[in-house]
């Protein structure tokens, strides 16, 4: 396996790899206030996971080709290992719209205590008691909205999160600073509600 890794290093396709110890334990969360479960299910599969390798290739087909070559590479006793190898892409960063949606949810959730009256009716934004807003969640939502917008792939949720962040940052609704519209974000949406917000 080391020879194969060296070959991939010379081609610039090797990123990292590591053998795993045969000793290990399976752990699973088993509910609040209960100890983790440490034996099962499928504990026998640990014998199949001998190590991992991260490669950087141009295509999925190339990754499969290299996995086939590694399966045929010499192992202990110079015999081909002939093991099944699992090929998986690394989990990519979620699209900016996912962060935009999460930012929007955080910003709305930050206002939850002031959004409804005891009878369940909705309190308009202008009438909400801003001292009840959760400033920690607002800061988290604003940071997430900034990060999503910085990826320069504008979407509906990012637009709404940007508007919610502008509202959340103002001490009073009249003081919302629309000049900070984050590179025209507030004019992106086709929603009539959002068009009228700006």
C-alpha atoms as a PDB file:
ATOM      1  CA  UNK A   1       0.000   0.000   0.000  1.00  0.00           C
ATOM      2  CA  UNK A   2       2.885   2.356   0.733  1.00  0.00           C
ATOM      3  CA  UNK A   3       4.291   1.764  -2.755  1.00  0.00           C
ATOM      4  CA  UNK A   4       0.895   2.568  -4.254  1.00  0.00           C
ATOM      5  CA  UNK A   5       0.661   5.755  -2.170  1.00  0.00           C
ATOM      6  CA  UNK A   6       4.136   6.750  -3.363  1.00  0.00           C
ATOM      7  CA  UNK A   7       3.019   6.226  -6.969  1.00  0.00           C
ATOM      8  CA  UNK A   8       0.014   8.489  -6.397  1.00  0.00           C
ATOM      9  CA  UNK A   9       2.251  11.082  -4.719  1.00  0.00           C
ATOM     10  CA  UNK A  10       4.416  11.205  -7.823  1.00  0.00           C
ATOM     11  CA  UNK A  11       1.314  11.816  -9.992  1.00  0.00           C
ATOM     12  CA  UNK A  12       0.043  14.492  -7.584  1.00  0.00           C
ATOM     13  CA  UNK A  13      -3.130  12.523  -6.771  1.00  0.00           C
ATOM     14  CA  UNK A  14      -2.324  11.462  -3.196  1.00  0.00           C
ATOM     15  CA  UNK A  15      -3.618  13.669  -0.367  1.00  0.00           C
ATOM     16  CA  UNK A  16      -3.470  11.536   2.778  1.00  0.00           C
ATOM     17  CA  UNK A  17      -3.877   8.007   4.049  1.00  0.00           C
ATOM     18  CA  UNK A  18      -3.669   6.046   7.270  1.00  0.00           C
ATOM     19  CA  UNK A  19      -3.882   2.457   8.396  1.00  0.00           C
ATOM     20  CA  UNK A  20      -6.285   1.783  11.261  1.00  0.00           C
ATOM     21  CA  UNK A  21      -5.561  -0.302  14.346  1.00  0.00           C
ATOM     22  CA  UNK A  22      -7.451  -3.595  14.412  1.00  0.00           C
ATOM     23  CA  UNK A  23      -8.521  -2.805  18.011  1.00  0.00           C
ATOM     24  CA  UNK A  24     -11.484  -0.474  18.370  1.00  0.00           C
ATOM     25  CA  UNK A  25     -14.927  -0.051  19.839  1.00  0.00           C
ATOM     26  CA  UNK A  26     -18.352   0.801  18.413  1.00  0.00           C
ATOM     27  CA  UNK A  27     -20.129   3.673  20.142  1.00  0.00           C
ATOM     28  CA  UNK A  28     -23.697   4.882  19.716  1.00  0.00           C
ATOM     29  CA  UNK A  29     -25.707   7.570  21.498  1.00  0.00           C
ATOM     30  CA  UNK A  30     -28.559   5.811  23.254  1.00  0.00           C
ATOM     31  CA  UNK A  31     -30.652   8.676  24.620  1.00  0.00           C
ATOM     32  CA  UNK A  32     -30.367  11.518  27.086  1.00  0.00           C
ATOM     33  CA  UNK A  33     -28.875  10.475  30.433  1.00  0.00           C
ATOM     34  CA  UNK A  34     -27.977   6.973  29.250  1.00  0.00           C
ATOM     35  CA  UNK A  35     -24.450   5.667  28.725  1.00  0.00           C
ATOM     36  CA  UNK A  36     -23.288   5.156  25.139  1.00  0.00           C
ATOM     37  CA  UNK A  37     -23.693   1.686  23.670  1.00  0.00           C
ATOM     38  CA  UNK A  38     -20.271   0.235  22.912  1.00  0.00           C
ATOM     39  CA  UNK A  39     -20.847  -3.194  21.398  1.00  0.00           C
ATOM     40  CA  UNK A  40     -22.861  -3.459  18.242  1.00  0.00           C
ATOM     41  CA  UNK A  41     -24.614  -3.537  15.904  1.00  0.00           C
ATOM     42  CA  UNK A  42     -22.473  -4.933  13.108  1.00  0.00           C
ATOM     43  CA  UNK A  43     -19.263  -4.908  15.147  1.00  0.00           C
ATOM     44  CA  UNK A  44     -17.807  -7.490  12.770  1.00  0.00           C
ATOM     45  CA  UNK A  45     -17.505  -4.836  10.072  1.00  0.00           C
ATOM     46  CA  UNK A  46     -14.568  -3.245  11.917  1.00  0.00           C
ATOM     47  CA  UNK A  47     -12.477  -6.106  10.530  1.00  0.00           C
ATOM     48  CA  UNK A  48     -13.193  -4.825   7.029  1.00  0.00           C
ATOM     49  CA  UNK A  49     -12.043  -1.263   7.684  1.00  0.00           C
ATOM     50  CA  UNK A  50      -8.259  -1.527   7.593  1.00  0.00           C
ATOM     51  CA  UNK A  51      -7.463   2.045   6.588  1.00  0.00           C
ATOM     52  CA  UNK A  52      -8.335   4.930   4.324  1.00  0.00           C
ATOM     53  CA  UNK A  53      -6.773   6.990   1.584  1.00  0.00           C
ATOM     54  CA  UNK A  54      -7.744  10.447   0.341  1.00  0.00           C
ATOM     55  CA  UNK A  55      -6.952  11.169  -3.281  1.00  0.00           C
ATOM     56  CA  UNK A  56      -7.543  14.176  -5.517  1.00  0.00           C
ATOM     57  CA  UNK A  57      -8.522  13.056  -9.003  1.00  0.00           C
ATOM     58  CA  UNK A  58     -10.258  14.595 -11.982  1.00  0.00           C
ATOM     59  CA  UNK A  59     -13.212  12.232 -12.070  1.00  0.00           C
ATOM     60  CA  UNK A  60     -15.141   9.527 -10.293  1.00  0.00           C
ATOM     61  CA  UNK A  61     -14.008   7.096 -13.011  1.00  0.00           C
ATOM     62  CA  UNK A  62     -10.362   7.817 -12.160  1.00  0.00           C
ATOM     63  CA  UNK A  63     -11.062   7.143  -8.462  1.00  0.00           C
ATOM     64  CA  UNK A  64     -12.645   3.776  -9.344  1.00  0.00           C
ATOM     65  CA  UNK A  65      -9.704   2.949 -11.623  1.00  0.00           C
ATOM     66  CA  UNK A  66      -7.209   3.666  -8.827  1.00  0.00           C
ATOM     67  CA  UNK A  67      -9.249   1.643  -6.308  1.00  0.00           C
ATOM     68  CA  UNK A  68      -9.111  -1.304  -8.728  1.00  0.00           C
ATOM     69  CA  UNK A  69      -5.335  -0.944  -9.019  1.00  0.00           C
ATOM     70  CA  UNK A  70      -4.980  -0.788  -5.224  1.00  0.00           C
ATOM     71  CA  UNK A  71      -7.117  -3.910  -4.803  1.00  0.00           C
ATOM     72  CA  UNK A  72      -4.680  -5.707  -7.103  1.00  0.00           C
ATOM     73  CA  UNK A  73      -1.584  -4.265  -5.374  1.00  0.00           C
ATOM     74  CA  UNK A  74       0.639  -6.593  -3.347  1.00  0.00           C
ATOM     75  CA  UNK A  75      -0.207  -6.931   0.340  1.00  0.00           C
ATOM     76  CA  UNK A  76       1.306  -9.150   3.012  1.00  0.00           C
ATOM     77  CA  UNK A  77       3.458 -11.881   1.475  1.00  0.00           C
ATOM     78  CA  UNK A  78       3.573  -9.965  -1.843  1.00  0.00           C
ATOM     79  CA  UNK A  79       0.175 -11.394  -2.831  1.00  0.00           C
ATOM     80  CA  UNK A  80      -2.526  -9.109  -4.278  1.00  0.00           C
ATOM     81  CA  UNK A  81      -4.862  -7.987  -1.508  1.00  0.00           C
ATOM     82  CA  UNK A  82      -8.021  -8.623  -3.584  1.00  0.00           C
ATOM     83  CA  UNK A  83     -10.187  -6.766  -1.051  1.00  0.00           C
ATOM     84  CA  UNK A  84     -13.337  -4.810  -1.774  1.00  0.00           C
ATOM     85  CA  UNK A  85     -12.572  -1.099  -1.535  1.00  0.00           C
ATOM     86  CA  UNK A  86     -15.253   1.488  -0.992  1.00  0.00           C
ATOM     87  CA  UNK A  87     -14.967   4.677  -3.055  1.00  0.00           C
ATOM     88  CA  UNK A  88     -16.685   7.793  -1.707  1.00  0.00           C
ATOM     89  CA  UNK A  89     -16.342  11.467  -2.567  1.00  0.00           C
ATOM     90  CA  UNK A  90     -15.591  13.813   0.298  1.00  0.00           C
ATOM     91  CA  UNK A  91     -18.656  15.660   1.494  1.00  0.00           C
ATOM     92  CA  UNK A  92     -18.495  19.051  -0.180  1.00  0.00           C
ATOM     93  CA  UNK A  93     -19.446  22.288   1.512  1.00  0.00           C
ATOM     94  CA  UNK A  94     -23.206  22.794   1.307  1.00  0.00           C
ATOM     95  CA  UNK A  95     -24.421  25.333  -1.246  1.00  0.00           C
ATOM     96  CA  UNK A  96     -24.676  28.936  -0.010  1.00  0.00           C
ATOM     97  CA  UNK A  97     -28.474  28.678  -0.060  1.00  0.00           C
ATOM     98  CA  UNK A  98     -28.290  26.094   2.739  1.00  0.00           C
ATOM     99  CA  UNK A  99     -26.393  28.604   4.878  1.00  0.00           C
ATOM    100  CA  UNK A 100     -28.791  31.321   3.768  1.00  0.00           C
ATOM    101  CA  UNK A 101     -31.767  29.251   4.945  1.00  0.00           C
ATOM    102  CA  UNK A 102     -30.076  28.420   8.249  1.00  0.00           C
ATOM    103  CA  UNK A 103     -29.208  32.105   8.791  1.00  0.00           C
ATOM    104  CA  UNK A 104     -32.829  33.059   8.072  1.00  0.00           C
ATOM    105  CA  UNK A 105     -34.109  30.437  10.531  1.00  0.00           C
ATOM    106  CA  UNK A 106     -31.714  31.649  13.237  1.00  0.00           C
ATOM    107  CA  UNK A 107     -32.725  35.272  12.721  1.00  0.00           C
ATOM    108  CA  UNK A 108     -36.443  34.444  12.872  1.00  0.00           C
ATOM    109  CA  UNK A 109     -35.967  32.164  15.861  1.00  0.00           C
ATOM    110  CA  UNK A 110     -34.088  34.958  17.678  1.00  0.00           C
ATOM    111  CA  UNK A 111     -37.362  36.962  17.685  1.00  0.00           C
ATOM    112  CA  UNK A 112     -39.616  34.090  18.813  1.00  0.00           C
ATOM    113  CA  UNK A 113     -40.454  35.523  22.264  1.00  0.00           C
ATOM    114  CA  UNK A 114     -41.715  38.804  20.797  1.00  0.00           C
ATOM    115  CA  UNK A 115     -43.523  37.553  17.676  1.00  0.00           C
ATOM    116  CA  UNK A 116     -46.850  36.513  19.178  1.00  0.00           C
ATOM    117  CA  UNK A 117     -49.267  37.792  21.817  1.00  0.00           C
ATOM    118  CA  UNK A 118     -50.637  35.575  24.625  1.00  0.00           C
ATOM    119  CA  UNK A 119     -53.762  34.950  22.510  1.00  0.00           C
ATOM    120  CA  UNK A 120     -51.562  33.630  19.671  1.00  0.00           C
ATOM    121  CA  UNK A 121     -51.999  36.612  17.339  1.00  0.00           C
ATOM    122  CA  UNK A 122     -48.958  37.899  15.464  1.00  0.00           C
ATOM    123  CA  UNK A 123     -47.096  41.010  16.588  1.00  0.00           C
ATOM    124  CA  UNK A 124     -45.913  43.047  13.562  1.00  0.00           C
ATOM    125  CA  UNK A 125     -42.162  43.628  13.365  1.00  0.00           C
ATOM    126  CA  UNK A 126     -42.539  47.353  14.117  1.00  0.00           C
ATOM    127  CA  UNK A 127     -44.378  46.550  17.383  1.00  0.00           C
ATOM    128  CA  UNK A 128     -42.113  43.783  18.660  1.00  0.00           C
ATOM    129  CA  UNK A 129     -40.206  44.290  21.922  1.00  0.00           C
ATOM    130  CA  UNK A 130     -36.623  44.109  20.677  1.00  0.00           C
ATOM    131  CA  UNK A 131     -35.288  43.681  24.218  1.00  0.00           C
ATOM    132  CA  UNK A 132     -36.725  40.136  24.038  1.00  0.00           C
ATOM    133  CA  UNK A 133     -34.735  39.263  20.940  1.00  0.00           C
ATOM    134  CA  UNK A 134     -31.902  36.758  21.418  1.00  0.00           C
ATOM    135  CA  UNK A 135     -28.773  38.743  20.510  1.00  0.00           C
ATOM    136  CA  UNK A 136     -26.592  35.613  20.484  1.00  0.00           C
ATOM    137  CA  UNK A 137     -28.750  33.979  17.811  1.00  0.00           C
ATOM    138  CA  UNK A 138     -28.861  37.246  15.879  1.00  0.00           C
ATOM    139  CA  UNK A 139     -25.057  37.453  15.865  1.00  0.00           C
ATOM    140  CA  UNK A 140     -24.825  33.829  14.720  1.00  0.00           C
ATOM    141  CA  UNK A 141     -27.425  34.386  11.988  1.00  0.00           C
ATOM    142  CA  UNK A 142     -25.746  37.586  10.763  1.00  0.00           C
ATOM    143  CA  UNK A 143     -22.337  35.844  10.616  1.00  0.00           C
ATOM    144  CA  UNK A 144     -23.840  32.939   8.689  1.00  0.00           C
ATOM    145  CA  UNK A 145     -25.610  35.294   6.278  1.00  0.00           C
ATOM    146  CA  UNK A 146     -22.333  37.148   5.659  1.00  0.00           C
ATOM    147  CA  UNK A 147     -20.520  33.849   4.997  1.00  0.00           C
ATOM    148  CA  UNK A 148     -23.225  32.690   2.557  1.00  0.00           C
ATOM    149  CA  UNK A 149     -23.265  36.015   0.722  1.00  0.00           C
ATOM    150  CA  UNK A 150     -19.464  36.065   0.480  1.00  0.00           C
ATOM    151  CA  UNK A 151     -19.631  33.000  -1.797  1.00  0.00           C
ATOM    152  CA  UNK A 152     -21.250  35.229  -4.431  1.00  0.00           C
ATOM    153  CA  UNK A 153     -23.968  32.765  -5.493  1.00  0.00           C
ATOM    154  CA  UNK A 154     -27.085  34.727  -4.599  1.00  0.00           C
ATOM    155  CA  UNK A 155     -30.310  32.931  -3.840  1.00  0.00           C
ATOM    156  CA  UNK A 156     -33.753  33.544  -2.342  1.00  0.00           C
ATOM    157  CA  UNK A 157     -32.904  32.433   1.213  1.00  0.00           C
ATOM    158  CA  UNK A 158     -29.732  34.514   1.290  1.00  0.00           C
ATOM    159  CA  UNK A 159     -31.787  37.513   0.198  1.00  0.00           C
ATOM    160  CA  UNK A 160     -34.337  36.965   2.936  1.00  0.00           C
ATOM    161  CA  UNK A 161     -31.589  36.368   5.521  1.00  0.00           C
ATOM    162  CA  UNK A 162     -29.888  39.622   4.509  1.00  0.00           C
ATOM    163  CA  UNK A 163     -33.151  41.543   4.960  1.00  0.00           C
ATOM    164  CA  UNK A 164     -33.827  39.844   8.315  1.00  0.00           C
ATOM    165  CA  UNK A 165     -30.281  40.691   9.438  1.00  0.00           C
ATOM    166  CA  UNK A 166     -30.753  44.357   8.532  1.00  0.00           C
ATOM    167  CA  UNK A 167     -33.971  44.444  10.571  1.00  0.00           C
ATOM    168  CA  UNK A 168     -32.366  42.597  13.484  1.00  0.00           C
ATOM    169  CA  UNK A 169     -29.440  44.998  13.606  1.00  0.00           C
ATOM    170  CA  UNK A 170     -31.601  48.130  13.941  1.00  0.00           C
ATOM    171  CA  UNK A 171     -32.684  49.393  17.388  1.00  0.00           C
ATOM    172  CA  UNK A 172     -36.089  50.358  15.901  1.00  0.00           C
ATOM    173  CA  UNK A 173     -37.757  49.419  12.619  1.00  0.00           C
ATOM    174  CA  UNK A 174     -37.457  53.020  11.351  1.00  0.00           C
ATOM    175  CA  UNK A 175     -33.696  52.845  11.864  1.00  0.00           C
ATOM    176  CA  UNK A 176     -33.142  49.905   9.537  1.00  0.00           C
ATOM    177  CA  UNK A 177     -30.098  50.888   7.502  1.00  0.00           C
ATOM    178  CA  UNK A 178     -31.081  50.005   3.937  1.00  0.00           C
ATOM    179  CA  UNK A 179     -27.854  51.560   2.605  1.00  0.00           C
ATOM    180  CA  UNK A 180     -26.148  48.385   3.878  1.00  0.00           C
ATOM    181  CA  UNK A 181     -28.034  46.188   1.427  1.00  0.00           C
ATOM    182  CA  UNK A 182     -25.046  43.848   0.972  1.00  0.00           C
ATOM    183  CA  UNK A 183     -24.224  44.480  -2.678  1.00  0.00           C
ATOM    184  CA  UNK A 184     -27.793  44.888  -3.866  1.00  0.00           C
ATOM    185  CA  UNK A 185     -29.002  41.785  -2.062  1.00  0.00           C
ATOM    186  CA  UNK A 186     -32.352  43.309  -1.182  1.00  0.00           C
ATOM    187  CA  UNK A 187     -33.213  43.884  -4.822  1.00  0.00           C
ATOM    188  CA  UNK A 188     -32.504  40.281  -5.862  1.00  0.00           C
ATOM    189  CA  UNK A 189     -35.756  38.580  -5.010  1.00  0.00           C
ATOM    190  CA  UNK A 190     -38.782  38.298  -7.245  1.00  0.00           C
ATOM    191  CA  UNK A 191     -41.036  38.082  -4.181  1.00  0.00           C
ATOM    192  CA  UNK A 192     -43.501  41.014  -3.925  1.00  0.00           C
ATOM    193  CA  UNK A 193     -43.150  40.866  -0.122  1.00  0.00           C
ATOM    194  CA  UNK A 194     -39.397  41.214  -0.373  1.00  0.00           C
ATOM    195  CA  UNK A 195     -39.620  43.918  -3.039  1.00  0.00           C
ATOM    196  CA  UNK A 196     -41.788  45.994  -0.725  1.00  0.00           C
ATOM    197  CA  UNK A 197     -39.406  45.430   2.220  1.00  0.00           C
ATOM    198  CA  UNK A 198     -36.619  47.430   0.634  1.00  0.00           C
END
